Protein backbone atom coordinates (compact mmCIF):
# COMPACT_ATOMS: atom_id res chain seq x y z
CA UNK A 1 -48.26 42.98 -47.88
CA UNK A 2 -50.04 41.11 -45.08
CA UNK A 3 -48.61 37.86 -46.50
CA UNK A 4 -45.06 39.25 -46.38
CA UNK A 5 -45.44 40.40 -42.76
CA UNK A 6 -46.79 37.02 -41.77
CA UNK A 7 -43.86 35.24 -43.44
CA UNK A 8 -41.35 37.55 -41.74
CA UNK A 9 -42.85 36.88 -38.32
CA UNK A 10 -42.70 33.11 -38.99
CA UNK A 11 -38.99 33.30 -39.89
CA UNK A 12 -38.29 35.39 -36.77
CA UNK A 13 -40.04 32.86 -34.55
CA UNK A 14 -38.06 30.01 -36.19
CA UNK A 15 -34.75 31.79 -35.62
CA UNK A 16 -35.70 32.56 -32.00
CA UNK A 17 -36.65 28.93 -31.36
CA UNK A 18 -33.37 27.73 -32.87
CA UNK A 19 -31.39 30.16 -30.74
CA UNK A 20 -33.24 29.03 -27.63
CA UNK A 21 -32.46 25.41 -28.46
CA UNK A 22 -28.77 26.22 -28.92
CA UNK A 23 -28.74 28.08 -25.59
CA UNK A 24 -30.35 25.15 -23.75
CA UNK A 25 -27.86 22.71 -25.26
CA UNK A 26 -24.98 25.01 -24.25
CA UNK A 27 -26.26 25.19 -20.69
CA UNK A 28 -26.61 21.42 -20.51
CA UNK A 29 -23.11 20.93 -21.87
CA UNK A 30 -21.84 23.42 -19.29
CA UNK A 31 -23.40 21.37 -16.53
CA UNK A 32 -21.74 18.23 -17.84
CA UNK A 33 -18.31 19.85 -18.10
CA UNK A 34 -18.40 21.65 -14.78
CA UNK A 35 -20.13 18.95 -12.81
CA UNK A 36 -22.46 21.49 -11.15
CA UNK A 37 -26.04 22.54 -11.42
CA UNK A 38 -29.37 22.20 -9.71
CA UNK A 39 -29.75 18.58 -10.75
CA UNK A 40 -26.27 17.41 -9.59
CA UNK A 41 -27.27 14.78 -7.02
CA UNK A 42 -24.01 12.97 -6.29
CA UNK A 43 -25.36 10.77 -3.57
CA UNK A 44 -29.05 9.92 -3.45
CA UNK A 45 -31.09 6.94 -2.43
CA UNK A 46 -30.70 5.70 -5.98
CA UNK A 47 -26.92 5.55 -5.64
CA UNK A 48 -23.79 7.53 -6.38
CA UNK A 49 -24.03 9.55 -9.58
CA UNK A 50 -27.72 9.05 -10.17
CA UNK A 51 -30.06 11.85 -11.22
CA UNK A 52 -33.04 13.15 -9.22
CA UNK A 53 -36.09 12.42 -11.43
CA UNK A 54 -38.12 15.22 -9.82
CA UNK A 55 -35.85 17.88 -11.28
CA UNK A 56 -37.33 17.49 -14.75
CA UNK A 57 -34.02 17.39 -16.60
CA UNK A 58 -33.22 15.76 -19.88
CA UNK A 59 -31.45 12.93 -18.12
CA UNK A 60 -27.93 13.89 -19.24
CA UNK A 61 -25.30 12.08 -17.15
CA UNK A 62 -23.46 14.35 -14.76
CA UNK A 63 -19.73 14.14 -13.93
CA UNK A 64 -19.22 12.78 -10.40
CA UNK A 65 -16.91 15.07 -8.41
CA UNK A 66 -13.73 13.26 -7.34
CA UNK A 67 -13.20 12.87 -3.59
CA UNK A 68 -10.72 15.30 -1.99
CA UNK A 69 -7.07 14.16 -1.92
CA UNK A 70 -5.03 14.54 1.26
CA UNK A 71 -1.27 14.84 0.78
CA UNK A 72 0.80 13.08 3.46
CA UNK A 73 4.51 12.61 4.03
CA UNK A 74 6.04 9.39 2.75
CA UNK A 75 6.04 6.86 5.62
CA UNK A 76 9.42 5.67 6.86
CA UNK A 77 10.23 2.02 6.23
CA UNK A 78 9.59 -0.30 9.14
CA UNK A 79 12.38 -2.81 9.88
CA UNK A 80 11.43 -6.41 9.32
CA UNK A 81 11.23 -8.55 12.44
CA UNK A 82 12.26 -12.16 12.62
CA UNK A 83 13.87 -14.60 15.01
CA UNK A 84 17.13 -14.01 16.84
CA UNK A 85 19.36 -16.23 14.74
CA UNK A 86 17.85 -15.46 11.38
CA UNK A 87 20.26 -13.27 9.46
CA UNK A 88 19.58 -10.75 6.73
CA UNK A 89 20.12 -11.18 3.03
CA UNK A 90 22.88 -9.47 1.06
CA UNK A 91 24.16 -6.01 1.82
CA UNK A 92 20.93 -4.39 0.75
CA UNK A 93 20.16 -3.57 4.37
CA UNK A 94 17.18 -5.87 4.77
CA UNK A 95 16.34 -6.11 8.41
CA UNK A 96 17.17 -8.68 11.00
CA UNK A 97 15.75 -8.02 14.45
CA UNK A 98 16.25 -10.08 17.56
CA UNK A 99 12.60 -11.06 18.01
CA UNK A 100 11.62 -7.81 19.68
CA UNK A 101 8.92 -5.23 19.18
CA UNK A 102 9.89 -2.06 17.34
CA UNK A 103 11.16 0.60 19.71
CA UNK A 104 12.42 3.90 18.38
CA UNK A 105 12.20 3.02 14.68
CA UNK A 106 13.15 -0.61 15.23
CA UNK A 107 15.96 -0.10 17.73
CA UNK A 108 15.77 -1.88 21.07
CA UNK A 109 15.53 0.26 24.14
CA UNK A 110 18.54 0.51 26.45
CA UNK A 111 16.83 -1.79 28.93
CA UNK A 112 16.04 -4.38 26.26
CA UNK A 113 19.58 -4.27 24.94
CA UNK A 114 21.02 -4.64 28.43
CA UNK A 115 18.82 -7.67 29.13
CA UNK A 116 19.76 -9.22 25.79
CA UNK A 117 23.50 -8.82 26.37
CA UNK A 118 23.18 -10.07 29.94
CA UNK A 119 21.40 -13.16 28.68
CA UNK A 120 24.04 -13.66 26.00
CA UNK A 121 26.91 -13.61 28.50
CA UNK A 122 25.05 -15.69 31.09
CA UNK A 123 23.97 -18.24 28.51
CA UNK A 124 27.52 -18.64 27.27
CA UNK A 125 29.47 -18.50 30.52
CA UNK A 126 31.88 -21.43 30.48
CA UNK A 127 31.26 -24.29 32.86
CA UNK A 128 33.88 -25.99 35.00
CA UNK A 129 33.82 -28.94 32.63
CA UNK A 130 36.70 -28.47 30.18
CA UNK A 131 35.00 -30.79 27.72
CA UNK A 132 31.76 -28.80 27.47
CA UNK A 133 30.54 -28.14 23.95
CA UNK A 134 28.92 -25.18 22.26
CA UNK A 135 25.34 -24.21 23.01
CA UNK A 136 24.71 -23.58 19.31
CA UNK A 137 26.45 -25.37 16.49
CA UNK A 138 29.06 -23.70 14.32
CA UNK A 139 29.01 -24.03 10.56
CA UNK A 140 30.07 -27.09 8.61
CA UNK A 141 33.68 -27.00 9.74
CA UNK A 142 33.20 -27.09 13.50
CA UNK A 143 35.89 -29.41 14.86
CA UNK A 144 35.04 -32.40 17.03
CA UNK A 145 35.68 -32.19 20.76
CA UNK A 146 39.27 -33.10 21.69
CA UNK A 147 39.86 -36.66 22.71
CA UNK A 148 41.14 -37.47 26.22
CA UNK A 149 44.87 -37.09 26.47
CA UNK A 150 45.12 -34.00 24.28
CA UNK A 151 46.34 -30.69 25.68
CA UNK A 152 42.82 -29.26 25.75
CA UNK A 153 41.43 -32.22 27.69
CA UNK A 154 43.37 -31.36 30.84
CA UNK A 155 42.87 -28.30 33.03
CA UNK A 156 45.99 -26.12 32.76
CA UNK A 157 47.33 -24.01 35.59
CA UNK A 158 46.77 -20.27 35.75
CA UNK A 159 50.54 -19.92 36.10
CA UNK A 160 51.16 -21.58 32.71
CA UNK A 161 52.80 -19.95 29.69
CA UNK A 162 49.58 -18.44 28.39
CA UNK A 163 48.15 -18.23 24.90
CA UNK A 164 49.94 -16.78 21.89
CA UNK A 165 48.17 -16.40 18.55
CA UNK A 166 47.66 -14.14 15.54
CA UNK A 167 44.37 -12.28 15.24
CA UNK A 168 43.13 -10.56 12.06
CA UNK A 169 40.21 -8.58 10.74
CA UNK A 170 39.61 -9.17 7.05
CA UNK A 171 36.95 -7.66 4.77
CA UNK A 172 37.20 -10.01 1.78
CA UNK A 173 34.90 -7.91 -0.50
CA UNK A 174 31.64 -9.76 -1.06
CA UNK A 175 31.16 -11.77 -4.23
CA UNK A 176 28.09 -9.71 -5.13
CA UNK A 177 30.33 -6.66 -5.67
CA UNK A 178 32.52 -8.25 -8.36
CA UNK A 179 30.10 -10.24 -10.48
CA UNK A 180 30.52 -9.58 -14.21
CA UNK A 181 33.88 -7.89 -13.57
CA UNK A 182 32.58 -5.38 -11.06
CA UNK A 183 35.21 -3.13 -9.42
CA UNK A 184 37.78 -4.49 -11.85
CA UNK A 185 38.32 -7.68 -9.86
CA UNK A 186 37.80 -11.41 -10.36
CA UNK A 187 34.69 -13.22 -9.05
CA UNK A 188 34.49 -13.82 -5.32
CA UNK A 189 35.25 -17.56 -5.41
CA UNK A 190 38.36 -16.85 -7.47
CA UNK A 191 39.54 -14.07 -5.17
CA UNK A 192 39.08 -16.29 -2.12
CA UNK A 193 42.26 -18.12 -3.14
CA UNK A 194 44.12 -14.88 -2.58
CA UNK A 195 42.39 -14.58 0.79
CA UNK A 196 43.66 -18.03 1.76
CA UNK A 197 47.20 -17.07 0.74
CA UNK A 198 46.96 -13.94 2.90
CA UNK A 199 45.82 -15.98 5.89
CA UNK A 200 48.85 -18.20 5.40
CA UNK A 201 51.19 -15.23 4.84
CA UNK A 202 50.28 -13.76 8.22
CA UNK A 203 49.90 -17.12 9.97
CA UNK A 204 46.41 -16.13 11.14
CA UNK A 205 44.87 -18.24 13.89
CA UNK A 206 41.61 -16.32 14.41
CA UNK A 207 40.00 -13.94 11.91
CA UNK A 208 36.92 -11.76 11.92
CA UNK A 209 35.64 -11.77 8.34
CA UNK A 210 33.34 -9.23 6.74
CA UNK A 211 31.47 -9.70 3.45
CA UNK A 212 32.33 -13.40 3.41
CA UNK A 213 29.29 -14.39 1.38
CA UNK A 214 27.99 -17.95 1.08
CA UNK A 215 29.94 -19.09 -1.96
CA UNK A 216 33.11 -17.47 -0.63
CA UNK A 217 32.74 -19.12 2.78
CA UNK A 218 32.33 -22.54 1.18
CA UNK A 219 35.31 -21.92 -1.11
CA UNK A 220 37.48 -20.79 1.82
CA UNK A 221 36.85 -24.03 3.68
CA UNK A 222 37.76 -25.99 0.58
CA UNK A 223 40.95 -24.15 -0.41
CA UNK A 224 42.28 -24.25 3.16
CA UNK A 225 41.50 -27.98 3.35
CA UNK A 226 39.22 -27.18 6.32
CA UNK A 227 42.10 -25.95 8.42
CA UNK A 228 39.66 -23.33 9.72
CA UNK A 229 36.20 -23.52 11.24
CA UNK A 230 33.64 -20.78 10.68
CA UNK A 231 30.76 -19.43 12.72
CA UNK A 232 28.05 -18.99 11.58
CA UNK A 233 29.59 -20.03 8.25
CA UNK A 234 28.05 -21.06 4.91
CA UNK A 235 25.31 -23.19 6.45
CA UNK A 236 23.69 -20.09 7.96
CA UNK A 237 21.44 -17.54 6.27
CA UNK A 238 24.05 -14.87 6.91
CA UNK A 239 27.68 -15.91 6.66
CA UNK A 240 28.97 -12.44 5.81
CA UNK A 241 30.46 -11.65 9.21
CA UNK A 242 31.70 -15.07 10.22
CA UNK A 243 34.49 -15.66 12.70
CA UNK A 244 37.09 -18.22 11.63
CA UNK A 245 39.63 -20.07 13.75
CA UNK A 246 42.38 -22.58 13.07
CA UNK A 247 41.06 -25.90 14.38
CA UNK A 248 44.51 -27.21 15.33
CA UNK A 249 44.93 -24.16 17.59
CA UNK A 250 41.46 -23.45 19.01
CA UNK A 251 38.26 -25.25 19.88
CA UNK A 252 34.79 -23.82 20.14
CA UNK A 253 33.24 -23.57 23.61
CA UNK A 254 30.18 -21.42 22.99
CA UNK A 255 28.63 -19.58 20.03
CA UNK A 256 26.00 -16.90 19.96
CA UNK A 257 25.20 -13.58 18.28
CA UNK A 258 24.16 -10.01 18.94
CA UNK A 259 22.04 -7.66 16.85
CA UNK A 260 23.21 -4.23 15.68
CA UNK A 261 21.67 -1.64 13.35
CA UNK A 262 22.93 -1.75 9.78
CA UNK A 263 21.81 0.31 6.76
CA UNK A 264 18.98 2.69 7.73
CA UNK A 265 18.72 1.05 11.14
CA UNK A 266 17.75 -2.42 9.94
CA UNK A 267 19.28 -5.00 12.28
CA UNK A 268 21.79 -7.70 11.41
CA UNK A 269 23.21 -10.50 13.53
CA UNK A 270 26.89 -10.39 14.41
CA UNK A 271 28.72 -13.46 15.76
CA UNK A 272 30.09 -13.81 19.28
CA UNK A 273 32.07 -16.95 20.15
CA UNK A 274 34.00 -18.27 23.13
CA UNK A 275 37.14 -20.16 22.05
CA UNK A 276 39.65 -22.19 24.03
CA UNK A 277 43.30 -22.25 23.01
CA UNK A 278 44.16 -25.94 23.03
CA UNK A 279 47.71 -25.83 24.38
CA UNK A 280 47.18 -23.41 27.27
CA UNK A 281 43.49 -23.89 28.03
CA UNK A 282 43.04 -20.10 27.95
CA UNK A 283 39.59 -19.04 26.85
CA UNK A 284 38.63 -15.77 25.18
CA UNK A 285 35.57 -14.16 23.69
CA UNK A 286 35.65 -13.00 20.05
CA UNK A 287 33.06 -10.66 18.54
CA UNK A 288 33.07 -9.55 14.92
CA UNK A 289 31.01 -6.70 13.47
CA UNK A 290 30.37 -4.69 10.33
CA UNK A 291 28.95 -1.22 10.92
CA UNK A 292 27.08 0.61 8.11
CA UNK A 293 28.98 2.73 5.60
CA UNK A 294 28.06 5.81 3.61
CA UNK A 295 27.30 4.58 0.07
CA UNK A 296 25.74 5.93 -3.12
CA UNK A 297 22.50 4.24 -2.02
CA UNK A 298 22.57 4.77 1.73
CA UNK A 299 23.31 8.20 3.14
CA UNK A 300 23.51 9.73 6.62
CA UNK A 301 24.36 6.45 8.39
CA UNK A 302 26.30 8.02 11.28
CA UNK A 303 23.40 7.68 13.72
CA UNK A 304 23.32 3.94 13.09
CA UNK A 305 27.09 3.58 13.44
CA UNK A 306 26.83 5.39 16.75
CA UNK A 307 24.03 3.10 17.92
CA UNK A 308 26.07 0.06 16.85
CA UNK A 309 29.10 1.33 18.78
CA UNK A 310 27.14 1.56 22.00
CA UNK A 311 25.76 -1.96 21.58
CA UNK A 312 29.29 -3.23 21.00
CA UNK A 313 30.59 -1.34 24.03
CA UNK A 314 27.72 -2.74 26.12
CA UNK A 315 28.89 -6.25 25.21
CA UNK A 316 32.41 -5.36 26.36
CA UNK A 317 31.09 -3.98 29.64
CA UNK A 318 29.10 -7.16 30.25
CA UNK A 319 32.03 -9.46 29.60
CA UNK A 320 34.68 -7.46 31.48
CA UNK A 321 33.57 -8.51 35.02
CA UNK A 322 33.77 -12.20 34.09
CA UNK A 323 37.57 -12.06 33.97
CA UNK A 324 37.66 -13.55 30.45
CA UNK A 325 39.19 -11.33 27.75
CA UNK A 326 37.17 -10.09 24.80
CA UNK A 327 38.53 -9.38 21.32
CA UNK A 328 36.50 -7.21 18.96
CA UNK A 329 37.26 -7.17 15.24
CA UNK A 330 35.45 -5.50 12.41
CA UNK A 331 34.99 -3.09 9.58
CA UNK A 332 33.70 -0.14 11.62
CA UNK A 333 33.57 2.24 8.64
CA UNK A 334 35.08 4.90 10.90
CA UNK A 335 38.52 5.84 12.06
CA UNK A 336 39.21 8.01 15.12
CA UNK A 337 35.52 8.60 15.81
CA UNK A 338 34.86 4.93 16.46
CA UNK A 339 37.92 4.53 18.67
CA UNK A 340 36.98 7.52 20.81
CA UNK A 341 33.35 6.44 21.29
CA UNK A 342 34.15 2.80 22.04
CA UNK A 343 36.95 3.39 24.53
CA UNK A 344 34.95 6.12 26.28
CA UNK A 345 31.88 3.88 26.62
CA UNK A 346 33.90 0.72 27.39
CA UNK A 347 37.07 1.74 29.28
CA UNK A 348 38.09 -1.91 29.56
CA UNK A 349 38.93 -2.00 25.82
CA UNK A 350 42.11 -0.91 24.04
CA UNK A 351 43.13 -0.99 20.39
CA UNK A 352 45.90 -3.02 18.80
CA UNK A 353 46.70 -0.02 16.58
CA UNK A 354 50.02 1.41 17.84
CA UNK A 355 49.99 4.79 19.50
CA UNK A 356 46.26 4.67 20.26
CA UNK A 357 45.26 5.45 23.82
CA UNK A 358 42.19 6.62 25.69
CA UNK A 359 44.10 7.64 28.82
CA UNK A 360 43.56 11.31 29.61
CA UNK A 361 41.54 11.94 26.45
CA UNK A 362 41.11 10.47 23.02
CA UNK A 363 44.32 9.82 21.09
CA UNK A 364 43.45 7.51 18.24
CA UNK A 365 46.94 7.53 16.75
CA UNK A 366 45.92 8.80 13.28
CA UNK A 367 44.48 5.52 12.00
CA UNK A 368 44.54 5.00 8.25
CA UNK A 369 42.14 2.05 8.10
CA UNK A 370 38.48 1.74 9.10
CA UNK A 371 39.23 -1.84 10.14
CA UNK A 372 39.90 -2.32 13.86
CA UNK A 373 41.10 -4.86 16.40
CA UNK A 374 40.38 -4.27 20.09
CA UNK A 375 41.05 -6.34 23.18
CA UNK A 376 40.45 -6.22 26.92
CA UNK A 377 43.11 -4.26 28.80
CA UNK A 378 45.74 -6.68 30.05
CA UNK A 379 46.20 -8.59 26.80
CA UNK A 380 49.46 -7.83 24.99
CA UNK A 381 49.43 -6.76 21.33
CA UNK A 382 52.56 -6.76 19.16
CA UNK A 383 53.55 -6.78 15.52
CA UNK A 384 50.51 -4.79 14.33
CA UNK A 385 50.34 -4.85 10.51
CA UNK A 386 48.17 -3.41 7.74
CA UNK A 387 48.91 -5.38 4.58
CA UNK A 388 48.26 -3.30 1.44
CA UNK A 389 50.34 -5.38 -0.97
CA UNK A 390 49.52 -6.20 -4.59
CA UNK A 391 47.99 -9.52 -3.53
CA UNK A 392 45.67 -7.66 -1.20
CA UNK A 393 44.75 -5.21 -3.96
CA UNK A 394 43.60 -7.93 -6.37
CA UNK A 395 41.81 -9.79 -3.57
CA UNK A 396 39.83 -7.07 -1.77
CA UNK A 397 39.36 -3.34 -1.29
CA UNK A 398 40.48 -3.30 2.37
CA UNK A 399 43.86 -3.90 4.00
CA UNK A 400 44.35 -7.14 5.90
CA UNK A 401 44.88 -6.01 9.50
CA UNK A 402 46.62 -8.43 11.86
CA UNK A 403 48.40 -8.48 15.20
CA UNK A 404 50.09 -10.94 17.51
CA UNK A 405 48.34 -11.49 20.83
CA UNK A 406 49.53 -12.80 24.18
CA UNK A 407 47.10 -13.64 26.99
CA UNK A 408 48.83 -14.13 30.32
CA UNK A 409 46.94 -16.50 32.65
CA UNK A 410 48.21 -14.49 35.63
CA UNK A 411 46.33 -11.45 34.28
CA UNK A 412 43.21 -13.49 33.46
CA UNK A 413 43.08 -16.42 35.91
CA UNK A 414 39.36 -16.94 35.29
CA UNK A 415 40.05 -17.47 31.59
CA UNK A 416 41.83 -20.77 32.17
CA UNK A 417 39.67 -23.86 31.93
């Protein structure tokens, strides 16, 4: 009997010891999984995650608690800044800023914009020398200065017959939109032949182009046998919004640009040129713009269209006191709203679209197109046309908008040089 009792006590002690061992292992495993415990020394003199040797533990590695995570709102993109005449890439909305610090999410302040436009007009004010050349070069097709003896070489009288020409705004649909059969149309360089036919159909002398991408600008010069010059044209980083003029009809006096917000407020350069009509000597400013649209990628662009409108109206207000007319062409991506804002902010401007008037309130005349032509009050518009023919349909996704223009030297005596 004593032997059996002794054996039973030995088995009980063995079972108790085993249970204690299992319990200790479970506790240690719990420490590892939970990352807590009296020996959890996350940061000691020995380094992050080391164990305090004075605690008398088994030396099991402990899980290092992860640092707390702070959730923040996604930062808004900051417009890229570059030099004044550097233009953006394709219509992705990459920024072009006029060498200024970011103000109000990349937009210039009113004072900065006013100084910029004042400098633009001052820098490009025509001199008394009728043979003066442009302050910045136009693209490839810029015509040479007229030789002595031509109509432009003499100084015409302010009582002369004036200037008559055809002005158009023409979104040619950028080549990037129709690669690989996109939008059911031919490639851009193929469609540009249709664009040249449309220029000839309407006898266009000056055109504000939109989406005239590099390869299309080069092709246009070729298919028209360089009858037109372009600014800034295919030699520039951004040819999309070039102004073109028939070189037998006009010569370039000055060329510059202004910066407006495009997609999501990123800035793009828009051309501004001073041209002289060769026969009459009448000079006129031409500005061409493309304001941001609502697309499947870019939404809620109205604030940027509004900002662009006020920059464009500020240009008109700067030029108006000089006595030289301004013509504004472009794809504004708005109808009545643009007309009402522009003519309210720049009362010197009126639209070529028939029936439109800002006298006594806004009467936009129920415009069908988002493409506009404006001019300084006193110029005479006639023969307004929106071409939506089959040729237009295979060439682009916008109508070709054109109008005849007459500038009377008696109404603009300072425009004659």
